[in-house]
């Protein structure tokens, strides 16, 4: 269930969860995404759900407000953290933890560091019904582990304050998928090496049988960079395809979160895009530590509250 925005129109979507006799159809398999529109009464009703996924930075950038997590905590609604999407979210959960920490500090230490750690590990696993298999380090569970550099701090504080530069290794089901070159052998067949935060990071993410089998992350980044830089050229090349699409008997059916009617027109060939309809773009660095303008762009957003701007 997605309840985005902060207006009455967005809030009214929650009422679609009512049965014909007025009862709310909320069970343990319902997860609220963002839930920024919900009022305290509606938020309280989610105590019967699996919980909500909170993306504070994206909420603030888009709406100038965020989910009423204070009421969620008071009502016993589980909260997981998510970084949302590229246009308005953080680049990864390490970034989202810091935004959540600043929000917590501004609201009387609403979330201790240990609880923030749960919000990106055991809480989302439980919300998804996967708590018996992952989310905590226990015998019999999948060994999904993040290894950070350093042992001088409280471990939960260290996680909240960590950047991509502090990542030593990432293991998924016990298999090292990313790690510093001093830990993972760069000569291993099928791996690639990228420079992240001034350090060489070895990635093992190309699985056989996957649709993107054989495409390293570096190749994907280069492909996206080229496509964004040459959007007008690509639009011009694609223009003849609209005639074929509009004449086809079987139309594409897609469902997007935003601009759905416009996108449907594009896919069906009813709306044409030419060279003059798009501008060249630039792909941002995939990590915050390597994007020197990331925090500046956030600070310059008019929707960011003063306490968050100062904290950044």
C-alpha atoms as a PDB file:
ATOM      1  CA  UNK A   1       0.000   0.000   0.000  1.00  0.00           C
ATOM      2  CA  UNK A   2       1.464   3.369  -1.051  1.00  0.00           C
ATOM      3  CA  UNK A   3       0.128   6.534   0.572  1.00  0.00           C
ATOM      4  CA  UNK A   4       2.391   9.321  -0.674  1.00  0.00           C
ATOM      5  CA  UNK A   5       1.891  13.050  -0.470  1.00  0.00           C
ATOM      6  CA  UNK A   6       0.469  14.992   2.445  1.00  0.00           C
ATOM      7  CA  UNK A   7      -2.879  16.254   1.157  1.00  0.00           C
ATOM      8  CA  UNK A   8      -6.451  15.045   1.653  1.00  0.00           C
ATOM      9  CA  UNK A   9      -6.498  13.447  -1.800  1.00  0.00           C
ATOM     10  CA  UNK A  10      -3.538  11.227  -0.917  1.00  0.00           C
ATOM     11  CA  UNK A  11      -4.924  10.524   2.544  1.00  0.00           C
ATOM     12  CA  UNK A  12      -8.225   9.357   1.100  1.00  0.00           C
ATOM     13  CA  UNK A  13      -6.559   6.361  -0.550  1.00  0.00           C
ATOM     14  CA  UNK A  14      -6.209   4.779   2.879  1.00  0.00           C
ATOM     15  CA  UNK A  15      -9.976   4.566   3.104  1.00  0.00           C
ATOM     16  CA  UNK A  16      -9.991   2.119   0.176  1.00  0.00           C
ATOM     17  CA  UNK A  17      -8.929  -0.436   2.783  1.00  0.00           C
ATOM     18  CA  UNK A  18     -12.456  -0.383   4.225  1.00  0.00           C
ATOM     19  CA  UNK A  19     -14.880  -3.217   3.566  1.00  0.00           C
ATOM     20  CA  UNK A  20     -18.451  -2.516   2.348  1.00  0.00           C
ATOM     21  CA  UNK A  21     -19.588  -2.558   5.979  1.00  0.00           C
ATOM     22  CA  UNK A  22     -16.912  -0.063   7.047  1.00  0.00           C
ATOM     23  CA  UNK A  23     -14.327  -2.359   8.660  1.00  0.00           C
ATOM     24  CA  UNK A  24     -10.664  -1.793   7.879  1.00  0.00           C
ATOM     25  CA  UNK A  25      -9.154  -4.734   5.996  1.00  0.00           C
ATOM     26  CA  UNK A  26      -5.720  -4.534   7.572  1.00  0.00           C
ATOM     27  CA  UNK A  27      -3.758  -7.697   8.284  1.00  0.00           C
ATOM     28  CA  UNK A  28      -0.225  -8.851   8.947  1.00  0.00           C
ATOM     29  CA  UNK A  29       0.557  -9.023   5.218  1.00  0.00           C
ATOM     30  CA  UNK A  30       0.010  -5.286   4.659  1.00  0.00           C
ATOM     31  CA  UNK A  31       3.096  -3.039   4.473  1.00  0.00           C
ATOM     32  CA  UNK A  32       2.655   0.730   4.152  1.00  0.00           C
ATOM     33  CA  UNK A  33       5.198   2.387   1.849  1.00  0.00           C
ATOM     34  CA  UNK A  34       6.003   5.953   3.006  1.00  0.00           C
ATOM     35  CA  UNK A  35       2.574   6.519   4.628  1.00  0.00           C
ATOM     36  CA  UNK A  36       3.284  10.256   4.683  1.00  0.00           C
ATOM     37  CA  UNK A  37      -0.393  11.104   4.148  1.00  0.00           C
ATOM     38  CA  UNK A  38      -1.785   9.234   7.143  1.00  0.00           C
ATOM     39  CA  UNK A  39      -3.264  11.119  10.076  1.00  0.00           C
ATOM     40  CA  UNK A  40      -2.752   9.850  13.661  1.00  0.00           C
ATOM     41  CA  UNK A  41      -5.960   7.802  13.630  1.00  0.00           C
ATOM     42  CA  UNK A  42      -5.034   6.083  10.363  1.00  0.00           C
ATOM     43  CA  UNK A  43      -1.467   5.487  11.497  1.00  0.00           C
ATOM     44  CA  UNK A  44      -2.718   3.889  14.692  1.00  0.00           C
ATOM     45  CA  UNK A  45      -4.786   1.421  12.691  1.00  0.00           C
ATOM     46  CA  UNK A  46      -1.587   0.095  11.129  1.00  0.00           C
ATOM     47  CA  UNK A  47      -0.657  -1.558  14.410  1.00  0.00           C
ATOM     48  CA  UNK A  48      -2.443  -4.601  12.943  1.00  0.00           C
ATOM     49  CA  UNK A  49      -0.255  -4.497   9.812  1.00  0.00           C
ATOM     50  CA  UNK A  50       3.284  -5.713   9.187  1.00  0.00           C
ATOM     51  CA  UNK A  51       4.506  -2.118   9.494  1.00  0.00           C
ATOM     52  CA  UNK A  52       5.643   0.811   7.383  1.00  0.00           C
ATOM     53  CA  UNK A  53       8.720   1.602   5.299  1.00  0.00           C
ATOM     54  CA  UNK A  54      10.024   5.081   6.108  1.00  0.00           C
ATOM     55  CA  UNK A  55      12.134   7.117   3.648  1.00  0.00           C
ATOM     56  CA  UNK A  56      12.680  10.413   5.499  1.00  0.00           C
ATOM     57  CA  UNK A  57      14.994  12.181   3.038  1.00  0.00           C
ATOM     58  CA  UNK A  58      12.822  11.461   0.020  1.00  0.00           C
ATOM     59  CA  UNK A  59       9.734  12.559   1.969  1.00  0.00           C
ATOM     60  CA  UNK A  60      11.297  15.884   2.918  1.00  0.00           C
ATOM     61  CA  UNK A  61      12.665  16.609  -0.556  1.00  0.00           C
ATOM     62  CA  UNK A  62       9.344  15.874  -2.254  1.00  0.00           C
ATOM     63  CA  UNK A  63       6.799  17.137   0.273  1.00  0.00           C
ATOM     64  CA  UNK A  64       8.578  19.212   2.907  1.00  0.00           C
ATOM     65  CA  UNK A  65       7.284  16.767   5.538  1.00  0.00           C
ATOM     66  CA  UNK A  66       7.740  13.149   6.483  1.00  0.00           C
ATOM     67  CA  UNK A  67       5.793  10.215   7.880  1.00  0.00           C
ATOM     68  CA  UNK A  68       4.344  10.615  11.376  1.00  0.00           C
ATOM     69  CA  UNK A  69       6.749   8.109  12.870  1.00  0.00           C
ATOM     70  CA  UNK A  70       6.224   9.593  16.335  1.00  0.00           C
ATOM     71  CA  UNK A  71       2.634   8.335  16.271  1.00  0.00           C
ATOM     72  CA  UNK A  72       3.816   5.100  14.671  1.00  0.00           C
ATOM     73  CA  UNK A  73       6.160   4.475  17.607  1.00  0.00           C
ATOM     74  CA  UNK A  74       3.477   5.364  20.145  1.00  0.00           C
ATOM     75  CA  UNK A  75       1.027   3.035  18.392  1.00  0.00           C
ATOM     76  CA  UNK A  76       3.455   0.119  18.175  1.00  0.00           C
ATOM     77  CA  UNK A  77       3.708   0.141  14.371  1.00  0.00           C
ATOM     78  CA  UNK A  78       6.962  -1.520  13.165  1.00  0.00           C
ATOM     79  CA  UNK A  79       9.169   0.818  11.119  1.00  0.00           C
ATOM     80  CA  UNK A  80      11.754  -0.158   8.510  1.00  0.00           C
ATOM     81  CA  UNK A  81      14.068   2.256   6.707  1.00  0.00           C
ATOM     82  CA  UNK A  82      14.256   2.496   2.916  1.00  0.00           C
ATOM     83  CA  UNK A  83      16.250   4.845   0.688  1.00  0.00           C
ATOM     84  CA  UNK A  84      13.429   5.158  -1.888  1.00  0.00           C
ATOM     85  CA  UNK A  85      14.663   6.041  -5.398  1.00  0.00           C
ATOM     86  CA  UNK A  86      17.483   7.944  -7.107  1.00  0.00           C
ATOM     87  CA  UNK A  87      15.787  11.286  -7.851  1.00  0.00           C
ATOM     88  CA  UNK A  88      15.031  12.119  -4.217  1.00  0.00           C
ATOM     89  CA  UNK A  89      16.427   9.431  -1.924  1.00  0.00           C
ATOM     90  CA  UNK A  90      19.758   8.676  -0.344  1.00  0.00           C
ATOM     91  CA  UNK A  91      22.169   6.519  -2.324  1.00  0.00           C
ATOM     92  CA  UNK A  92      22.006   3.595   0.123  1.00  0.00           C
ATOM     93  CA  UNK A  93      20.879   2.644   3.618  1.00  0.00           C
ATOM     94  CA  UNK A  94      24.029   4.060   5.206  1.00  0.00           C
ATOM     95  CA  UNK A  95      22.828   7.460   4.063  1.00  0.00           C
ATOM     96  CA  UNK A  96      19.245   6.882   5.183  1.00  0.00           C
ATOM     97  CA  UNK A  97      20.450   5.885   8.637  1.00  0.00           C
ATOM     98  CA  UNK A  98      22.061   9.289   9.034  1.00  0.00           C
ATOM     99  CA  UNK A  99      18.893  11.160   8.041  1.00  0.00           C
ATOM    100  CA  UNK A 100      16.876   9.019  10.448  1.00  0.00           C
ATOM    101  CA  UNK A 101      19.445   9.696  13.173  1.00  0.00           C
ATOM    102  CA  UNK A 102      19.183  13.461  12.672  1.00  0.00           C
ATOM    103  CA  UNK A 103      15.383  13.213  12.785  1.00  0.00           C
ATOM    104  CA  UNK A 104      15.630  11.143  15.957  1.00  0.00           C
ATOM    105  CA  UNK A 105      17.949  13.653  17.635  1.00  0.00           C
ATOM    106  CA  UNK A 106      15.568  16.475  16.713  1.00  0.00           C
ATOM    107  CA  UNK A 107      12.692  14.572  18.310  1.00  0.00           C
ATOM    108  CA  UNK A 108      14.185  13.717  21.694  1.00  0.00           C
ATOM    109  CA  UNK A 109      16.220  10.618  20.719  1.00  0.00           C
ATOM    110  CA  UNK A 110      13.173   8.874  19.283  1.00  0.00           C
ATOM    111  CA  UNK A 111      15.278   6.042  17.879  1.00  0.00           C
ATOM    112  CA  UNK A 112      18.366   4.841  19.778  1.00  0.00           C
ATOM    113  CA  UNK A 113      21.208   3.616  17.548  1.00  0.00           C
ATOM    114  CA  UNK A 114      20.348  -0.004  18.280  1.00  0.00           C
ATOM    115  CA  UNK A 115      16.782   0.540  17.088  1.00  0.00           C
ATOM    116  CA  UNK A 116      18.045   2.246  13.926  1.00  0.00           C
ATOM    117  CA  UNK A 117      20.164  -0.847  13.262  1.00  0.00           C
ATOM    118  CA  UNK A 118      17.072  -3.038  13.654  1.00  0.00           C
ATOM    119  CA  UNK A 119      15.221  -0.842  11.154  1.00  0.00           C
ATOM    120  CA  UNK A 120      17.609  -1.932   8.385  1.00  0.00           C
ATOM    121  CA  UNK A 121      18.025  -5.579   9.462  1.00  0.00           C
ATOM    122  CA  UNK A 122      15.664  -7.608  11.647  1.00  0.00           C
ATOM    123  CA  UNK A 123      12.589  -5.363  11.427  1.00  0.00           C
ATOM    124  CA  UNK A 124      12.227  -5.439   7.610  1.00  0.00           C
ATOM    125  CA  UNK A 125      12.975  -9.174   7.607  1.00  0.00           C
ATOM    126  CA  UNK A 126      10.137  -9.761  10.071  1.00  0.00           C
ATOM    127  CA  UNK A 127       7.802  -7.455   8.147  1.00  0.00           C
ATOM    128  CA  UNK A 128       8.387  -9.520   5.004  1.00  0.00           C
ATOM    129  CA  UNK A 129       7.822 -12.794   6.848  1.00  0.00           C
ATOM    130  CA  UNK A 130      11.474 -13.748   6.391  1.00  0.00           C
ATOM    131  CA  UNK A 131      12.522 -13.421  10.015  1.00  0.00           C
ATOM    132  CA  UNK A 132      13.195 -17.155  10.328  1.00  0.00           C
ATOM    133  CA  UNK A 133      15.760 -16.989   7.532  1.00  0.00           C
ATOM    134  CA  UNK A 134      17.590 -13.661   7.747  1.00  0.00           C
ATOM    135  CA  UNK A 135      17.792 -10.324   9.540  1.00  0.00           C
ATOM    136  CA  UNK A 136      19.852 -11.476  12.538  1.00  0.00           C
ATOM    137  CA  UNK A 137      23.077 -13.422  12.990  1.00  0.00           C
ATOM    138  CA  UNK A 138      21.941 -16.822  14.267  1.00  0.00           C
ATOM    139  CA  UNK A 139      22.675 -20.486  13.532  1.00  0.00           C
ATOM    140  CA  UNK A 140      20.633 -21.778  10.610  1.00  0.00           C
ATOM    141  CA  UNK A 141      19.968 -18.361   9.062  1.00  0.00           C
ATOM    142  CA  UNK A 142      21.431 -17.006   5.845  1.00  0.00           C
ATOM    143  CA  UNK A 143      24.767 -15.334   6.527  1.00  0.00           C
ATOM    144  CA  UNK A 144      23.975 -11.845   5.209  1.00  0.00           C
ATOM    145  CA  UNK A 145      26.692  -9.712   6.769  1.00  0.00           C
ATOM    146  CA  UNK A 146      28.104  -6.194   6.515  1.00  0.00           C
ATOM    147  CA  UNK A 147      31.690  -5.866   7.748  1.00  0.00           C
ATOM    148  CA  UNK A 148      32.841  -2.361   8.682  1.00  0.00           C
ATOM    149  CA  UNK A 149      36.315  -1.090   9.466  1.00  0.00           C
ATOM    150  CA  UNK A 150      37.093  -0.286  13.098  1.00  0.00           C
ATOM    151  CA  UNK A 151      36.102  -1.515  16.559  1.00  0.00           C
ATOM    152  CA  UNK A 152      36.592   1.577  18.728  1.00  0.00           C
ATOM    153  CA  UNK A 153      32.933   2.687  18.835  1.00  0.00           C
ATOM    154  CA  UNK A 154      29.729   1.168  20.061  1.00  0.00           C
ATOM    155  CA  UNK A 155      28.839  -1.205  17.173  1.00  0.00           C
ATOM    156  CA  UNK A 156      25.421   0.350  16.542  1.00  0.00           C
ATOM    157  CA  UNK A 157      26.829   3.870  16.591  1.00  0.00           C
ATOM    158  CA  UNK A 158      29.560   2.734  14.208  1.00  0.00           C
ATOM    159  CA  UNK A 159      26.950   1.442  11.751  1.00  0.00           C
ATOM    160  CA  UNK A 160      24.917   4.647  11.869  1.00  0.00           C
ATOM    161  CA  UNK A 161      27.980   6.828  11.298  1.00  0.00           C
ATOM    162  CA  UNK A 162      29.651   4.630   8.653  1.00  0.00           C
ATOM    163  CA  UNK A 163      30.166   5.739   5.048  1.00  0.00           C
ATOM    164  CA  UNK A 164      30.907   3.665   1.970  1.00  0.00           C
ATOM    165  CA  UNK A 165      34.612   4.205   2.703  1.00  0.00           C
ATOM    166  CA  UNK A 166      34.231   2.155   5.915  1.00  0.00           C
ATOM    167  CA  UNK A 167      32.810  -0.928   4.175  1.00  0.00           C
ATOM    168  CA  UNK A 168      35.277  -3.811   4.257  1.00  0.00           C
ATOM    169  CA  UNK A 169      33.031  -6.564   2.897  1.00  0.00           C
ATOM    170  CA  UNK A 170      29.428  -7.513   2.117  1.00  0.00           C
ATOM    171  CA  UNK A 171      28.391 -11.168   2.336  1.00  0.00           C
ATOM    172  CA  UNK A 172      25.100 -12.531   1.021  1.00  0.00           C
ATOM    173  CA  UNK A 173      24.245 -16.057   2.135  1.00  0.00           C
ATOM    174  CA  UNK A 174      27.857 -16.434   3.227  1.00  0.00           C
ATOM    175  CA  UNK A 175      29.303 -15.509  -0.175  1.00  0.00           C
ATOM    176  CA  UNK A 176      31.481 -12.380  -0.364  1.00  0.00           C
ATOM    177  CA  UNK A 177      29.808 -10.182  -2.957  1.00  0.00           C
ATOM    178  CA  UNK A 178      31.872  -7.061  -2.313  1.00  0.00           C
ATOM    179  CA  UNK A 179      35.066  -6.462  -0.420  1.00  0.00           C
ATOM    180  CA  UNK A 180      38.313  -4.571  -0.329  1.00  0.00           C
ATOM    181  CA  UNK A 181      41.015  -5.853  -2.614  1.00  0.00           C
ATOM    182  CA  UNK A 182      43.082  -6.805   0.441  1.00  0.00           C
ATOM    183  CA  UNK A 183      40.324  -9.281   1.395  1.00  0.00           C
ATOM    184  CA  UNK A 184      38.934 -10.478  -1.949  1.00  0.00           C
ATOM    185  CA  UNK A 185      41.309 -11.595  -4.687  1.00  0.00           C
ATOM    186  CA  UNK A 186      40.902  -9.307  -7.736  1.00  0.00           C
ATOM    187  CA  UNK A 187      42.239 -12.145  -9.913  1.00  0.00           C
ATOM    188  CA  UNK A 188      39.237 -14.368  -9.156  1.00  0.00           C
ATOM    189  CA  UNK A 189      37.391 -15.221 -12.403  1.00  0.00           C
ATOM    190  CA  UNK A 190      34.175 -13.256 -12.903  1.00  0.00           C
ATOM    191  CA  UNK A 191      34.885 -10.407 -10.482  1.00  0.00           C
ATOM    192  CA  UNK A 192      35.512  -6.740 -11.230  1.00  0.00           C
ATOM    193  CA  UNK A 193      37.227  -3.946  -9.329  1.00  0.00           C
ATOM    194  CA  UNK A 194      35.935  -0.411  -8.804  1.00  0.00           C
ATOM    195  CA  UNK A 195      37.426   2.550  -6.994  1.00  0.00           C
ATOM    196  CA  UNK A 196      35.115   3.582  -4.136  1.00  0.00           C
ATOM    197  CA  UNK A 197      36.045   6.178  -1.557  1.00  0.00           C
ATOM    198  CA  UNK A 198      39.697   6.089  -2.598  1.00  0.00           C
ATOM    199  CA  UNK A 199      39.926   2.324  -2.153  1.00  0.00           C
ATOM    200  CA  UNK A 200      39.824  -0.622  -4.534  1.00  0.00           C
ATOM    201  CA  UNK A 201      36.632  -2.635  -4.040  1.00  0.00           C
ATOM    202  CA  UNK A 202      36.219  -6.074  -5.606  1.00  0.00           C
ATOM    203  CA  UNK A 203      32.672  -6.966  -6.726  1.00  0.00           C
ATOM    204  CA  UNK A 204      31.339 -10.450  -7.426  1.00  0.00           C
ATOM    205  CA  UNK A 205      27.825  -9.766  -8.681  1.00  0.00           C
ATOM    206  CA  UNK A 206      27.580 -11.407 -12.126  1.00  0.00           C
ATOM    207  CA  UNK A 207      25.588 -14.612 -11.634  1.00  0.00           C
ATOM    208  CA  UNK A 208      25.145 -17.190 -14.381  1.00  0.00           C
ATOM    209  CA  UNK A 209      21.622 -17.501 -15.710  1.00  0.00           C
ATOM    210  CA  UNK A 210      20.688 -13.953 -14.756  1.00  0.00           C
ATOM    211  CA  UNK A 211      19.276 -11.716 -17.540  1.00  0.00           C
ATOM    212  CA  UNK A 212      22.252  -9.389 -17.008  1.00  0.00           C
ATOM    213  CA  UNK A 213      24.729 -12.261 -16.839  1.00  0.00           C
ATOM    214  CA  UNK A 214      28.139 -11.068 -17.905  1.00  0.00           C
ATOM    215  CA  UNK A 215      27.481  -7.326 -17.445  1.00  0.00           C
ATOM    216  CA  UNK A 216      29.782  -5.890 -14.776  1.00  0.00           C
ATOM    217  CA  UNK A 217      28.683  -2.874 -12.778  1.00  0.00           C
ATOM    218  CA  UNK A 218      31.321  -0.768 -14.501  1.00  0.00           C
ATOM    219  CA  UNK A 219      29.840  -1.636 -17.892  1.00  0.00           C
ATOM    220  CA  UNK A 220      26.335  -0.784 -16.686  1.00  0.00           C
ATOM    221  CA  UNK A 221      27.544   2.601 -15.406  1.00  0.00           C
ATOM    222  CA  UNK A 222      29.266   3.350 -18.718  1.00  0.00           C
ATOM    223  CA  UNK A 223      26.170   2.324 -20.707  1.00  0.00           C
ATOM    224  CA  UNK A 224      23.885   4.529 -18.620  1.00  0.00           C
ATOM    225  CA  UNK A 225      26.318   7.447 -18.829  1.00  0.00           C
ATOM    226  CA  UNK A 226      26.425   7.203 -22.611  1.00  0.00           C
ATOM    227  CA  UNK A 227      22.642   6.906 -22.920  1.00  0.00           C
ATOM    228  CA  UNK A 228      21.965   9.907 -20.691  1.00  0.00           C
ATOM    229  CA  UNK A 229      24.549  12.048 -22.458  1.00  0.00           C
ATOM    230  CA  UNK A 230      23.004  11.187 -25.842  1.00  0.00           C
ATOM    231  CA  UNK A 231      19.299  11.290 -25.011  1.00  0.00           C
ATOM    232  CA  UNK A 232      18.440  13.617 -27.941  1.00  0.00           C
ATOM    233  CA  UNK A 233      20.213  11.265 -30.372  1.00  0.00           C
ATOM    234  CA  UNK A 234      18.426   8.233 -28.957  1.00  0.00           C
ATOM    235  CA  UNK A 235      15.054   9.971 -29.106  1.00  0.00           C
ATOM    236  CA  UNK A 236      15.636  10.824 -32.767  1.00  0.00           C
ATOM    237  CA  UNK A 237      16.644   7.240 -33.544  1.00  0.00           C
ATOM    238  CA  UNK A 238      13.560   5.890 -31.801  1.00  0.00           C
ATOM    239  CA  UNK A 239      11.081   8.158 -33.571  1.00  0.00           C
ATOM    240  CA  UNK A 240      10.430   5.747 -36.503  1.00  0.00           C
ATOM    241  CA  UNK A 241       9.469   3.019 -34.015  1.00  0.00           C
ATOM    242  CA  UNK A 242       6.372   4.968 -32.952  1.00  0.00           C
ATOM    243  CA  UNK A 243       4.636   4.208 -36.234  1.00  0.00           C
ATOM    244  CA  UNK A 244       5.204   0.490 -35.735  1.00  0.00           C
ATOM    245  CA  UNK A 245       4.021   0.654 -32.138  1.00  0.00           C
ATOM    246  CA  UNK A 246       0.873   2.634 -32.904  1.00  0.00           C
ATOM    247  CA  UNK A 247      -0.087   0.178 -35.648  1.00  0.00           C
ATOM    248  CA  UNK A 248       0.429  -2.901 -33.503  1.00  0.00           C
ATOM    249  CA  UNK A 249      -2.647  -4.900 -32.530  1.00  0.00           C
ATOM    250  CA  UNK A 250      -1.177  -5.824 -29.122  1.00  0.00           C
ATOM    251  CA  UNK A 251      -0.508  -2.748 -27.021  1.00  0.00           C
ATOM    252  CA  UNK A 252       1.944  -2.561 -24.159  1.00  0.00           C
ATOM    253  CA  UNK A 253       0.406  -2.283 -20.713  1.00  0.00           C
ATOM    254  CA  UNK A 254       2.551  -0.684 -18.054  1.00  0.00           C
ATOM    255  CA  UNK A 255       1.904   0.677 -14.579  1.00  0.00           C
ATOM    256  CA  UNK A 256       4.148   3.415 -13.221  1.00  0.00           C
ATOM    257  CA  UNK A 257       3.965   5.430 -10.025  1.00  0.00           C
ATOM    258  CA  UNK A 258       4.066   8.761 -11.832  1.00  0.00           C
ATOM    259  CA  UNK A 259       2.921  10.140 -15.211  1.00  0.00           C
ATOM    260  CA  UNK A 260       1.188   6.892 -16.003  1.00  0.00           C
ATOM    261  CA  UNK A 261      -1.078   8.271 -18.738  1.00  0.00           C
ATOM    262  CA  UNK A 262       1.822   9.989 -20.451  1.00  0.00           C
ATOM    263  CA  UNK A 263       4.014   6.891 -20.232  1.00  0.00           C
ATOM    264  CA  UNK A 264       1.203   4.733 -21.580  1.00  0.00           C
ATOM    265  CA  UNK A 265       0.903   7.054 -24.551  1.00  0.00           C
ATOM    266  CA  UNK A 266       4.607   6.715 -25.224  1.00  0.00           C
ATOM    267  CA  UNK A 267       4.552   2.941 -25.052  1.00  0.00           C
ATOM    268  CA  UNK A 268       1.504   2.725 -27.302  1.00  0.00           C
ATOM    269  CA  UNK A 269       2.966   5.092 -29.871  1.00  0.00           C
ATOM    270  CA  UNK A 270       0.269   7.710 -29.371  1.00  0.00           C
ATOM    271  CA  UNK A 271       2.782  10.244 -28.034  1.00  0.00           C
ATOM    272  CA  UNK A 272       5.998  10.877 -29.911  1.00  0.00           C
ATOM    273  CA  UNK A 273       9.352  11.932 -28.511  1.00  0.00           C
ATOM    274  CA  UNK A 274      11.878  13.616 -30.765  1.00  0.00           C
ATOM    275  CA  UNK A 275      15.272  15.239 -30.377  1.00  0.00           C
ATOM    276  CA  UNK A 276      13.844  18.478 -29.027  1.00  0.00           C
ATOM    277  CA  UNK A 277      11.788  16.818 -26.293  1.00  0.00           C
ATOM    278  CA  UNK A 278      14.676  15.655 -24.113  1.00  0.00           C
ATOM    279  CA  UNK A 279      17.930  17.134 -22.844  1.00  0.00           C
ATOM    280  CA  UNK A 280      21.271  15.454 -22.189  1.00  0.00           C
ATOM    281  CA  UNK A 281      21.718  14.323 -18.593  1.00  0.00           C
ATOM    282  CA  UNK A 282      24.581  13.192 -16.404  1.00  0.00           C
ATOM    283  CA  UNK A 283      24.611  10.110 -14.195  1.00  0.00           C
ATOM    284  CA  UNK A 284      25.553  10.941 -10.617  1.00  0.00           C
ATOM    285  CA  UNK A 285      28.234   8.871  -8.863  1.00  0.00           C
ATOM    286  CA  UNK A 286      26.700   5.780  -7.285  1.00  0.00           C
ATOM    287  CA  UNK A 287      28.209   6.433  -3.835  1.00  0.00           C
ATOM    288  CA  UNK A 288      27.849   9.494  -1.637  1.00  0.00           C
ATOM    289  CA  UNK A 289      31.505   9.429  -0.675  1.00  0.00           C
ATOM    290  CA  UNK A 290      32.422   9.955  -4.348  1.00  0.00           C
ATOM    291  CA  UNK A 291      29.726  12.570  -5.047  1.00  0.00           C
ATOM    292  CA  UNK A 292      31.084  15.847  -3.745  1.00  0.00           C
ATOM    293  CA  UNK A 293      27.894  17.749  -4.621  1.00  0.00           C
ATOM    294  CA  UNK A 294      25.363  15.357  -3.084  1.00  0.00           C
ATOM    295  CA  UNK A 295      24.905  17.094   0.263  1.00  0.00           C
ATOM    296  CA  UNK A 296      25.059  20.515  -1.362  1.00  0.00           C
ATOM    297  CA  UNK A 297      22.174  19.597  -3.654  1.00  0.00           C
ATOM    298  CA  UNK A 298      20.142  18.442  -0.651  1.00  0.00           C
ATOM    299  CA  UNK A 299      20.882  21.599   1.347  1.00  0.00           C
ATOM    300  CA  UNK A 300      19.777  23.770  -1.562  1.00  0.00           C
ATOM    301  CA  UNK A 301      16.349  22.115  -1.685  1.00  0.00           C
ATOM    302  CA  UNK A 302      13.704  24.507  -0.394  1.00  0.00           C
ATOM    303  CA  UNK A 303      11.743  21.700   1.304  1.00  0.00           C
ATOM    304  CA  UNK A 304      14.520  20.661   3.678  1.00  0.00           C
ATOM    305  CA  UNK A 305      13.842  21.755   7.310  1.00  0.00           C
ATOM    306  CA  UNK A 306      16.448  23.961   8.977  1.00  0.00           C
ATOM    307  CA  UNK A 307      17.533  21.313  11.522  1.00  0.00           C
ATOM    308  CA  UNK A 308      18.268  18.808   8.740  1.00  0.00           C
ATOM    309  CA  UNK A 309      20.094  21.397   6.617  1.00  0.00           C
ATOM    310  CA  UNK A 310      22.281  22.261   9.599  1.00  0.00           C
ATOM    311  CA  UNK A 311      22.915  18.606  10.384  1.00  0.00           C
ATOM    312  CA  UNK A 312      24.146  17.921   6.877  1.00  0.00           C
END
